[in-house]
PDB file of N, CA and C in Angstrom:
ATOM      1  N   MET A   1       0.845  -1.168   0.000  1.00  0.00           N
ATOM      2  CA  MET A   1       0.000   0.000   0.000  1.00  0.00           C
ATOM      3  C   MET A   1       0.893   1.235   0.000  1.00  0.00           C
ATOM      4  N   GLN A   2       0.355   2.296  -0.575  1.00  0.00           N
ATOM      5  CA  GLN A   2       1.090   3.546  -0.636  1.00  0.00           C
ATOM      6  C   GLN A   2       0.200   4.694  -0.215  1.00  0.00           C
ATOM      7  N   VAL A   3       0.828   5.735   0.321  1.00  0.00           N
ATOM      8  CA  VAL A   3       0.124   6.955   0.675  1.00  0.00           C
ATOM      9  C   VAL A   3       0.482   7.999  -0.377  1.00  0.00           C
ATOM     10  N   VAL A   4      -0.524   8.625  -0.945  1.00  0.00           N
ATOM     11  CA  VAL A   4      -0.299   9.690  -1.910  1.00  0.00           C
ATOM     12  C   VAL A   4      -1.019  10.943  -1.425  1.00  0.00           C
ATOM     13  N   ALA A   5      -0.470  12.087  -1.775  1.00  0.00           N
ATOM     14  CA  ALA A   5      -1.103  13.363  -1.446  1.00  0.00           C
ATOM     15  C   ALA A   5      -1.545  14.009  -2.751  1.00  0.00           C
ATOM     16  N   PHE A   6      -2.670  14.713  -2.710  1.00  0.00           N
ATOM     17  CA  PHE A   6      -3.178  15.353  -3.923  1.00  0.00           C
ATOM     18  C   PHE A   6      -3.910  16.635  -3.566  1.00  0.00           C
ATOM     19  N   SER A   7      -3.988  17.500  -4.547  1.00  0.00           N
ATOM     20  CA  SER A   7      -4.801  18.706  -4.455  1.00  0.00           C
ATOM     21  C   SER A   7      -5.346  18.978  -5.852  1.00  0.00           C
ATOM     22  N   THR A   8      -6.343  19.813  -5.945  1.00  0.00           N
ATOM     23  CA  THR A   8      -6.916  20.158  -7.239  1.00  0.00           C
ATOM     24  C   THR A   8      -6.949  21.680  -7.367  1.00  0.00           C
ATOM     25  N   PRO A   9      -7.041  22.197  -8.577  1.00  0.00           N
ATOM     26  CA  PRO A   9      -7.119  23.652  -8.738  1.00  0.00           C
ATOM     27  C   PRO A   9      -8.326  24.268  -8.012  1.00  0.00           C
ATOM     28  N   VAL A  10      -9.425  23.540  -7.983  1.00  0.00           N
ATOM     29  CA  VAL A  10     -10.617  24.050  -7.309  1.00  0.00           C
ATOM     30  C   VAL A  10     -10.440  24.038  -5.787  1.00  0.00           C
ATOM     31  N   HIS A  11      -9.751  23.000  -5.274  1.00  0.00           N
ATOM     32  CA  HIS A  11      -9.496  22.863  -3.837  1.00  0.00           C
ATOM     33  C   HIS A  11      -7.993  22.695  -3.635  1.00  0.00           C
ATOM     34  N   PRO A  12      -7.247  23.792  -3.504  1.00  0.00           N
ATOM     35  CA  PRO A  12      -5.781  23.707  -3.472  1.00  0.00           C
ATOM     36  C   PRO A  12      -5.194  23.130  -2.175  1.00  0.00           C
ATOM     37  N   GLU A  13      -6.017  22.853  -1.190  1.00  0.00           N
ATOM     38  CA  GLU A  13      -5.496  22.246   0.038  1.00  0.00           C
ATOM     39  C   GLU A  13      -5.112  20.797  -0.249  1.00  0.00           C
ATOM     40  N   TRP A  14      -4.175  20.259   0.518  1.00  0.00           N
ATOM     41  CA  TRP A  14      -3.680  18.891   0.323  1.00  0.00           C
ATOM     42  C   TRP A  14      -4.533  17.902   1.101  1.00  0.00           C
ATOM     43  N   ARG A  15      -4.738  16.727   0.528  1.00  0.00           N
ATOM     44  CA  ARG A  15      -5.408  15.601   1.180  1.00  0.00           C
ATOM     45  C   ARG A  15      -4.594  14.352   0.903  1.00  0.00           C
ATOM     46  N   TRP A  16      -4.793  13.301   1.692  1.00  0.00           N
ATOM     47  CA  TRP A  16      -4.076  12.042   1.460  1.00  0.00           C
ATOM     48  C   TRP A  16      -5.040  10.953   1.033  1.00  0.00           C
ATOM     49  N   ARG A  17      -4.482   9.977   0.314  1.00  0.00           N
ATOM     50  CA  ARG A  17      -5.202   8.754  -0.058  1.00  0.00           C
ATOM     51  C   ARG A  17      -4.287   7.572   0.203  1.00  0.00           C
ATOM     52  N   ILE A  18      -4.875   6.489   0.676  1.00  0.00           N
ATOM     53  CA  ILE A  18      -4.161   5.220   0.790  1.00  0.00           C
ATOM     54  C   ILE A  18      -4.629   4.378  -0.392  1.00  0.00           C
ATOM     55  N   VAL A  19      -3.660   3.935  -1.201  1.00  0.00           N
ATOM     56  CA  VAL A  19      -3.949   3.236  -2.438  1.00  0.00           C
ATOM     57  C   VAL A  19      -3.246   1.886  -2.430  1.00  0.00           C
ATOM     58  N   ASN A  20      -3.942   0.830  -2.853  1.00  0.00           N
ATOM     59  CA  ASN A  20      -3.296  -0.480  -2.931  1.00  0.00           C
ATOM     60  C   ASN A  20      -2.523  -0.596  -4.240  1.00  0.00           C
ATOM     61  N   TYR A  21      -1.815  -1.696  -4.433  1.00  0.00           N
ATOM     62  CA  TYR A  21      -0.958  -1.843  -5.599  1.00  0.00           C
ATOM     63  C   TYR A  21      -1.730  -2.091  -6.894  1.00  0.00           C
ATOM     64  N   ALA A  22      -3.037  -2.290  -6.804  1.00  0.00           N
ATOM     65  CA  ALA A  22      -3.871  -2.391  -8.005  1.00  0.00           C
ATOM     66  C   ALA A  22      -4.401  -1.016  -8.406  1.00  0.00           C
ATOM     67  N   GLY A  23      -4.089   0.002  -7.605  1.00  0.00           N
ATOM     68  CA  GLY A  23      -4.524   1.359  -7.906  1.00  0.00           C
ATOM     69  C   GLY A  23      -5.864   1.729  -7.316  1.00  0.00           C
ATOM     70  N   GLU A  24      -6.407   0.875  -6.474  1.00  0.00           N
ATOM     71  CA  GLU A  24      -7.710   1.138  -5.863  1.00  0.00           C
ATOM     72  C   GLU A  24      -7.534   1.964  -4.589  1.00  0.00           C
ATOM     73  N   VAL A  25      -8.431   2.920  -4.385  1.00  0.00           N
ATOM     74  CA  VAL A  25      -8.394   3.751  -3.187  1.00  0.00           C
ATOM     75  C   VAL A  25      -8.939   2.940  -2.016  1.00  0.00           C
ATOM     76  N   VAL A  26      -8.141   2.834  -0.958  1.00  0.00           N
ATOM     77  CA  VAL A  26      -8.556   2.112   0.245  1.00  0.00           C
ATOM     78  C   VAL A  26      -9.219   3.074   1.220  1.00  0.00           C
ATOM     79  N   GLU A  27      -8.618   4.259   1.383  1.00  0.00           N
ATOM     80  CA  GLU A  27      -9.169   5.266   2.286  1.00  0.00           C
ATOM     81  C   GLU A  27      -8.675   6.633   1.851  1.00  0.00           C
ATOM     82  N   GLU A  28      -9.476   7.653   2.137  1.00  0.00           N
ATOM     83  CA  GLU A  28      -9.130   9.023   1.774  1.00  0.00           C
ATOM     84  C   GLU A  28      -9.429   9.938   2.952  1.00  0.00           C
ATOM     85  N   SER A  29      -8.598  10.957   3.119  1.00  0.00           N
ATOM     86  CA  SER A  29      -8.798  11.873   4.239  1.00  0.00           C
ATOM     87  C   SER A  29     -10.010  12.760   4.002  1.00  0.00           C
ATOM     88  N   GLY A  30     -10.699  13.067   5.065  1.00  0.00           N
ATOM     89  CA  GLY A  30     -11.783  14.034   5.011  1.00  0.00           C
ATOM     90  C   GLY A  30     -11.282  15.410   5.399  1.00  0.00           C
ATOM     91  N   ARG A  31     -10.122  15.433   5.988  1.00  0.00           N
ATOM     92  CA  ARG A  31      -9.488  16.658   6.468  1.00  0.00           C
ATOM     93  C   ARG A  31      -8.514  17.180   5.422  1.00  0.00           C
ATOM     94  N   THR A  32      -8.285  18.480   5.390  1.00  0.00           N
ATOM     95  CA  THR A  32      -7.316  19.067   4.467  1.00  0.00           C
ATOM     96  C   THR A  32      -6.095  19.559   5.237  1.00  0.00           C
ATOM     97  N   PHE A  33      -4.981  19.715   4.510  1.00  0.00           N
ATOM     98  CA  PHE A  33      -3.711  20.118   5.106  1.00  0.00           C
ATOM     99  C   PHE A  33      -3.111  21.256   4.297  1.00  0.00           C
ATOM    100  N   ARG A  34      -2.363  22.121   4.961  1.00  0.00           N
ATOM    101  CA  ARG A  34      -1.738  23.251   4.270  1.00  0.00           C
ATOM    102  C   ARG A  34      -0.527  22.831   3.471  1.00  0.00           C
ATOM    103  N   THR A  35       0.149  21.752   3.894  1.00  0.00           N
ATOM    104  CA  THR A  35       1.362  21.313   3.202  1.00  0.00           C
ATOM    105  C   THR A  35       1.242  19.853   2.772  1.00  0.00           C
ATOM    106  N   ILE A  36       1.992  19.513   1.743  1.00  0.00           N
ATOM    107  CA  ILE A  36       2.034  18.134   1.278  1.00  0.00           C
ATOM    108  C   ILE A  36       2.659  17.234   2.348  1.00  0.00           C
ATOM    109  N   ALA A  37       3.655  17.749   3.048  1.00  0.00           N
ATOM    110  CA  ALA A  37       4.320  16.966   4.095  1.00  0.00           C
ATOM    111  C   ALA A  37       3.347  16.604   5.212  1.00  0.00           C
ATOM    112  N   GLY A  38       2.489  17.533   5.586  1.00  0.00           N
ATOM    113  CA  GLY A  38       1.499  17.253   6.631  1.00  0.00           C
ATOM    114  C   GLY A  38       0.506  16.194   6.197  1.00  0.00           C
ATOM    115  N   ALA A  39       0.074  16.253   4.945  1.00  0.00           N
ATOM    116  CA  ALA A  39      -0.873  15.268   4.433  1.00  0.00           C
ATOM    117  C   ALA A  39      -0.249  13.881   4.388  1.00  0.00           C
ATOM    118  N   VAL A  40       0.982  13.780   3.888  1.00  0.00           N
ATOM    119  CA  VAL A  40       1.643  12.472   3.785  1.00  0.00           C
ATOM    120  C   VAL A  40       1.926  11.902   5.175  1.00  0.00           C
ATOM    121  N   ALA A  41       2.343  12.745   6.106  1.00  0.00           N
ATOM    122  CA  ALA A  41       2.619  12.264   7.472  1.00  0.00           C
ATOM    123  C   ALA A  41       1.355  11.701   8.120  1.00  0.00           C
ATOM    124  N   GLU A  42       0.244  12.409   7.986  1.00  0.00           N
ATOM    125  CA  GLU A  42      -1.021  11.932   8.560  1.00  0.00           C
ATOM    126  C   GLU A  42      -1.489  10.647   7.872  1.00  0.00           C
ATOM    127  N   GLY A  43      -1.364  10.576   6.555  1.00  0.00           N
ATOM    128  CA  GLY A  43      -1.762   9.376   5.821  1.00  0.00           C
ATOM    129  C   GLY A  43      -0.907   8.176   6.193  1.00  0.00           C
ATOM    130  N   THR A  44       0.381   8.402   6.373  1.00  0.00           N
ATOM    131  CA  THR A  44       1.282   7.316   6.772  1.00  0.00           C
ATOM    132  C   THR A  44       0.928   6.804   8.163  1.00  0.00           C
ATOM    133  N   ALA A  45       0.592   7.711   9.065  1.00  0.00           N
ATOM    134  CA  ALA A  45       0.172   7.300  10.411  1.00  0.00           C
ATOM    135  C   ALA A  45      -1.115   6.476  10.340  1.00  0.00           C
ATOM    136  N   ARG A  46      -2.036   6.897   9.496  1.00  0.00           N
ATOM    137  CA  ARG A  46      -3.301   6.162   9.347  1.00  0.00           C
ATOM    138  C   ARG A  46      -3.079   4.786   8.740  1.00  0.00           C
ATOM    139  N   LEU A  47      -2.168   4.696   7.771  1.00  0.00           N
ATOM    140  CA  LEU A  47      -1.847   3.399   7.169  1.00  0.00           C
ATOM    141  C   LEU A  47      -1.316   2.438   8.232  1.00  0.00           C
ATOM    142  N   GLY A  48      -0.497   2.939   9.141  1.00  0.00           N
ATOM    143  CA  GLY A  48       0.007   2.105  10.239  1.00  0.00           C
ATOM    144  C   GLY A  48      -1.105   1.630  11.166  1.00  0.00           C
ATOM    145  N   GLN A  49      -2.110   2.459  11.372  1.00  0.00           N
ATOM    146  CA  GLN A  49      -3.246   2.086  12.225  1.00  0.00           C
ATOM    147  C   GLN A  49      -4.124   1.025  11.566  1.00  0.00           C
ATOM    148  N   LEU A  50      -4.239   1.085  10.249  1.00  0.00           N
ATOM    149  CA  LEU A  50      -5.110   0.136   9.541  1.00  0.00           C
ATOM    150  C   LEU A  50      -4.616  -1.291   9.660  1.00  0.00           C
ATOM    151  N   ASN A  51      -3.293  -1.484   9.605  1.00  0.00           N
ATOM    152  CA  ASN A  51      -2.699  -2.815   9.738  1.00  0.00           C
ATOM    153  C   ASN A  51      -3.353  -3.804   8.762  1.00  0.00           C
ATOM    154  N   VAL A  52      -3.386  -3.410   7.478  1.00  0.00           N
ATOM    155  CA  VAL A  52      -4.021  -4.203   6.433  1.00  0.00           C
ATOM    156  C   VAL A  52      -2.949  -4.809   5.540  1.00  0.00           C
ATOM    157  N   VAL A  53      -3.179  -6.038   5.092  1.00  0.00           N
ATOM    158  CA  VAL A  53      -2.279  -6.693   4.157  1.00  0.00           C
ATOM    159  C   VAL A  53      -2.848  -6.505   2.757  1.00  0.00           C
ATOM    160  N   ASP A  54      -2.019  -6.013   1.847  1.00  0.00           N
ATOM    161  CA  ASP A  54      -2.455  -5.776   0.474  1.00  0.00           C
ATOM    162  C   ASP A  54      -2.342  -7.064  -0.321  1.00  0.00           C
ATOM    163  N   ARG A  55      -3.480  -7.656  -0.668  1.00  0.00           N
ATOM    164  CA  ARG A  55      -3.510  -8.877  -1.462  1.00  0.00           C
ATOM    165  C   ARG A  55      -3.977  -8.604  -2.895  1.00  0.00           C
ATOM    166  N   SER A  56      -3.998  -7.342  -3.269  1.00  0.00           N
ATOM    167  CA  SER A  56      -4.439  -6.988  -4.617  1.00  0.00           C
ATOM    168  C   SER A  56      -3.402  -7.415  -5.646  1.00  0.00           C
ATOM    169  N   VAL A  57      -3.849  -7.552  -6.866  1.00  0.00           N
ATOM    170  CA  VAL A  57      -2.975  -7.940  -7.965  1.00  0.00           C
ATOM    171  C   VAL A  57      -2.723  -6.696  -8.810  1.00  0.00           C
ATOM    172  N   PRO A  58      -1.457  -6.290  -8.965  1.00  0.00           N
ATOM    173  CA  PRO A  58      -1.181  -5.107  -9.777  1.00  0.00           C
ATOM    174  C   PRO A  58      -1.626  -5.325 -11.222  1.00  0.00           C
ATOM    175  N   PRO A  59      -2.080  -4.262 -11.874  1.00  0.00           N
ATOM    176  CA  PRO A  59      -2.465  -4.412 -13.277  1.00  0.00           C
ATOM    177  C   PRO A  59      -1.249  -4.736 -14.131  1.00  0.00           C
ATOM    178  N   ARG A  60      -1.472  -5.475 -15.221  1.00  0.00           N
ATOM    179  CA  ARG A  60      -0.369  -5.826 -16.115  1.00  0.00           C
ATOM    180  C   ARG A  60       0.119  -4.571 -16.822  1.00  0.00           C
ATOM    181  N   ALA A  61       1.414  -4.411 -16.896  1.00  0.00           N
ATOM    182  CA  ALA A  61       1.988  -3.250 -17.575  1.00  0.00           C
ATOM    183  C   ALA A  61       1.962  -3.448 -19.083  1.00  0.00           C
ATOM    184  N   TYR A  62       1.891  -4.689 -19.533  1.00  0.00           N
ATOM    185  CA  TYR A  62       1.947  -4.998 -20.960  1.00  0.00           C
ATOM    186  C   TYR A  62       0.637  -5.628 -21.388  1.00  0.00           C
ATOM    187  N   ARG A  63       0.079  -5.137 -22.458  1.00  0.00           N
ATOM    188  CA  ARG A  63      -1.138  -5.731 -23.017  1.00  0.00           C
ATOM    189  C   ARG A  63      -0.848  -6.121 -24.456  1.00  0.00           C
ATOM    190  N   SER A  64      -1.094  -7.356 -24.777  1.00  0.00           N
ATOM    191  CA  SER A  64      -0.829  -7.868 -26.121  1.00  0.00           C
ATOM    192  C   SER A  64      -1.723  -7.187 -27.149  1.00  0.00           C
ATOM    193  N   THR A  65      -1.165  -6.925 -28.317  1.00  0.00           N
ATOM    194  CA  THR A  65      -1.944  -6.376 -29.426  1.00  0.00           C
ATOM    195  C   THR A  65      -2.099  -7.405 -30.539  1.00  0.00           C
ATOM    196  N   SER A  66      -1.892  -8.678 -30.225  1.00  0.00           N
ATOM    197  CA  SER A  66      -1.991  -9.720 -31.244  1.00  0.00           C
ATOM    198  C   SER A  66      -3.380  -9.786 -31.868  1.00  0.00           C
ATOM    199  N   HIS A  67      -4.396  -9.405 -31.140  1.00  0.00           N
ATOM    200  CA  HIS A  67      -5.764  -9.425 -31.693  1.00  0.00           C
ATOM    201  C   HIS A  67      -5.942  -8.377 -32.794  1.00  0.00           C
ATOM    202  N   LEU A  68      -5.050  -7.399 -32.883  1.00  0.00           N
ATOM    203  CA  LEU A  68      -5.141  -6.365 -33.909  1.00  0.00           C
ATOM    204  C   LEU A  68      -4.386  -6.732 -35.188  1.00  0.00           C
ATOM    205  N   ARG A  69      -3.511  -7.697 -35.115  1.00  0.00           N
ATOM    206  CA  ARG A  69      -2.651  -8.040 -36.261  1.00  0.00           C
ATOM    207  C   ARG A  69      -3.352  -8.822 -37.357  1.00  0.00           C
ATOM    208  N   GLY A  70      -4.465  -9.452 -37.077  1.00  0.00           N
ATOM    209  CA  GLY A  70      -5.152 -10.267 -38.071  1.00  0.00           C
ATOM    210  C   GLY A  70      -6.076  -9.477 -38.983  1.00  0.00           C
ATOM    211  N   ARG A  71      -6.123  -8.209 -38.842  1.00  0.00           N
ATOM    212  CA  ARG A  71      -7.058  -7.379 -39.625  1.00  0.00           C
ATOM    213  C   ARG A  71      -6.574  -7.122 -41.016  1.00  0.00           C
TER     214      ARG A  71
END
């Protein structure tokens, strides 16, 4: 699992998300932070509290295009 921080132009405050290795959001902060460091620190602390094992399967980086070659 990883902690990521994000902000948007509409809402420039920082928030954290806990994301598994398949790219799925596990949890997201409801609180906002003034700095990226504050958001990541809080998210990392929350990840430690969750004590969850990530059993997700990462998406394949390579996708075959063999189905397109017979055209």
